[in-house]
Amino acid sequence: NKLNLNCLIDLKRLDKEKDNIQKEIKKAFENKIIGKISEQKYISLMNKLSEESKLIDIKKNEYNEIMESNRLFEEKFDEFVKNIDNLNEDKLETIRLFVDSVYINENKIIPKYKFE
C-alpha cells in the first residue's frame, strides 16, 4: 500500500509536469506567431519539450506497471491466505511436516521445504 501511495504521488507530480510542458508548448507557439522567437528556436524548443513529454510518459507507464504488479501480487497473497484459512487442522499439520517456512519475494510466494 505504501508503494502504491508513493506511485500515486509520483504519478500526480508527473501529470503536473506534463501540464507545465503543454503550457510551455502553447507559450512557445504564441511567441513564434508574434515573432518573439525565431522558427529555428521554436523547433529546437519543441524538440526539447517533446522529448521531456516522452520521458514523462515512459515514467508514468513504469509506475502503472508497478502498481498493476502490486495489485496482482496482493490478489495472489489474499488467495494464499484464504486457502490457508480454509485448511482444516489435519491438513495444516501435514503442511507443517513438510514446510519449514514461507518466503514472500517480489511477486512470488516461495515455500522452503524441510527436506531441502
Protein backbone atom coordinates (compact mmCIF):
# COMPACT_ATOMS: atom_id res chain seq x y z
CA ASN A 1 0.00 0.00 0.00
CA LYS A 2 2.85 2.36 0.81
CA LEU A 3 4.48 1.62 -2.53
CA ASN A 4 1.19 2.25 -4.34
CA LEU A 5 0.75 5.51 -2.45
CA ASN A 6 4.25 6.62 -3.47
CA CYS A 7 3.47 5.67 -7.07
CA LEU A 8 0.23 7.68 -6.99
CA ILE A 9 2.07 10.70 -5.58
CA ASP A 10 4.72 10.43 -8.30
CA LEU A 11 2.05 9.99 -10.98
CA LYS A 12 0.32 13.16 -9.80
CA ARG A 13 3.65 15.02 -9.89
CA LEU A 14 4.30 13.72 -13.42
CA ASP A 15 0.83 14.87 -14.51
CA LYS A 16 1.66 18.38 -13.26
CA GLU A 17 4.96 18.29 -15.15
CA LYS A 18 3.12 17.21 -18.29
CA ASP A 19 0.62 20.08 -17.85
CA ASN A 20 3.53 22.52 -17.49
CA ILE A 21 5.06 21.20 -20.70
CA GLN A 22 1.74 21.72 -22.50
CA LYS A 23 1.68 25.31 -21.25
CA GLU A 24 5.25 25.83 -22.45
CA ILE A 25 4.32 24.44 -25.87
CA LYS A 26 1.39 26.84 -26.13
CA LYS A 27 3.55 29.77 -25.00
CA ALA A 28 6.29 28.86 -27.48
CA PHE A 29 3.75 28.74 -30.30
CA GLU A 30 2.34 32.13 -29.33
CA ASN A 31 5.86 33.58 -29.15
CA LYS A 32 6.62 32.19 -32.62
CA ILE A 33 3.43 33.67 -34.06
CA ILE A 34 4.15 37.17 -32.72
CA GLY A 35 7.79 36.94 -33.81
CA LYS A 36 9.27 36.90 -30.33
CA ILE A 37 11.31 33.77 -31.16
CA SER A 38 12.68 32.52 -34.45
CA GLU A 39 11.45 29.45 -36.31
CA GLN A 40 14.73 27.69 -35.52
CA LYS A 41 14.44 28.49 -31.79
CA TYR A 42 10.81 27.31 -31.86
CA ILE A 43 11.73 23.98 -33.48
CA SER A 44 14.56 23.47 -31.01
CA LEU A 45 12.27 24.22 -28.07
CA MET A 46 9.54 21.93 -29.43
CA ASN A 47 12.02 19.06 -29.82
CA LYS A 48 13.20 19.53 -26.23
CA LEU A 49 9.65 19.70 -24.86
CA SER A 50 8.58 16.70 -26.92
CA GLU A 51 11.48 14.65 -25.54
CA GLU A 52 10.61 15.66 -21.96
CA SER A 53 6.98 14.69 -22.59
CA LYS A 54 8.02 11.26 -23.90
CA LEU A 55 10.21 10.66 -20.83
CA ILE A 56 7.29 11.54 -18.56
CA ASP A 57 5.05 9.09 -20.44
CA ILE A 58 7.67 6.35 -20.00
CA LYS A 59 7.91 7.04 -16.26
CA LYS A 60 4.12 7.05 -15.93
CA ASN A 61 3.93 3.68 -17.67
CA GLU A 62 6.58 2.28 -15.32
CA TYR A 63 4.63 3.44 -12.26
CA ASN A 64 1.41 2.00 -13.66
CA GLU A 65 3.16 -1.33 -14.28
CA ILE A 66 4.48 -1.35 -10.71
CA MET A 67 1.00 -0.68 -9.35
CA GLU A 68 -0.52 -3.40 -11.53
CA SER A 69 2.16 -5.84 -10.42
CA ASN A 70 1.42 -4.98 -6.79
CA ARG A 71 -2.28 -5.46 -7.37
CA LEU A 72 -1.73 -8.91 -8.87
CA PHE A 73 0.59 -9.86 -6.02
CA GLU A 74 -1.98 -8.75 -3.45
CA GLU A 75 -4.60 -10.88 -5.17
CA LYS A 76 -2.31 -13.93 -5.11
CA PHE A 77 -1.36 -13.29 -1.50
CA ASP A 78 -5.01 -12.88 -0.46
CA GLU A 79 -5.83 -16.14 -2.23
CA PHE A 80 -2.92 -17.83 -0.45
CA VAL A 81 -4.14 -16.60 2.94
CA LYS A 82 -7.72 -17.59 2.11
CA ASN A 83 -6.58 -21.09 1.20
CA ILE A 84 -4.70 -21.38 4.50
CA ASP A 85 -7.79 -20.24 6.36
CA ASN A 86 -9.82 -22.94 4.61
CA LEU A 87 -7.48 -25.73 5.63
CA ASN A 88 -8.60 -27.93 8.44
CA GLU A 89 -6.24 -28.84 11.28
CA ASP A 90 -5.24 -32.19 9.73
CA LYS A 91 -4.15 -30.56 6.50
CA LEU A 92 -2.30 -27.85 8.40
CA GLU A 93 -0.42 -30.45 10.37
CA THR A 94 0.54 -32.22 7.15
CA ILE A 95 1.86 -28.94 5.73
CA ARG A 96 3.83 -28.31 8.93
CA LEU A 97 5.54 -31.67 8.47
CA PHE A 98 6.92 -30.67 5.08
CA VAL A 99 7.15 -26.88 5.01
CA ASP A 100 9.80 -25.19 7.10
CA SER A 101 8.95 -21.61 6.18
CA VAL A 102 7.36 -19.45 3.54
CA TYR A 103 9.14 -16.54 1.85
CA ILE A 104 7.50 -13.72 0.03
CA ASN A 105 9.77 -12.37 -2.67
CA GLU A 106 8.67 -9.86 -5.30
CA ASN A 107 5.51 -11.38 -6.73
CA LYS A 108 6.09 -14.92 -5.55
CA ILE A 109 5.21 -16.95 -2.50
CA ILE A 110 8.01 -19.48 -2.05
CA PRO A 111 7.77 -22.36 0.44
CA LYS A 112 11.02 -23.67 1.91
CA TYR A 113 10.60 -27.36 2.46
CA LYS A 114 12.19 -29.12 5.41
CA PHE A 115 13.89 -31.65 3.16
CA GLU A 116 15.67 -29.01 1.04
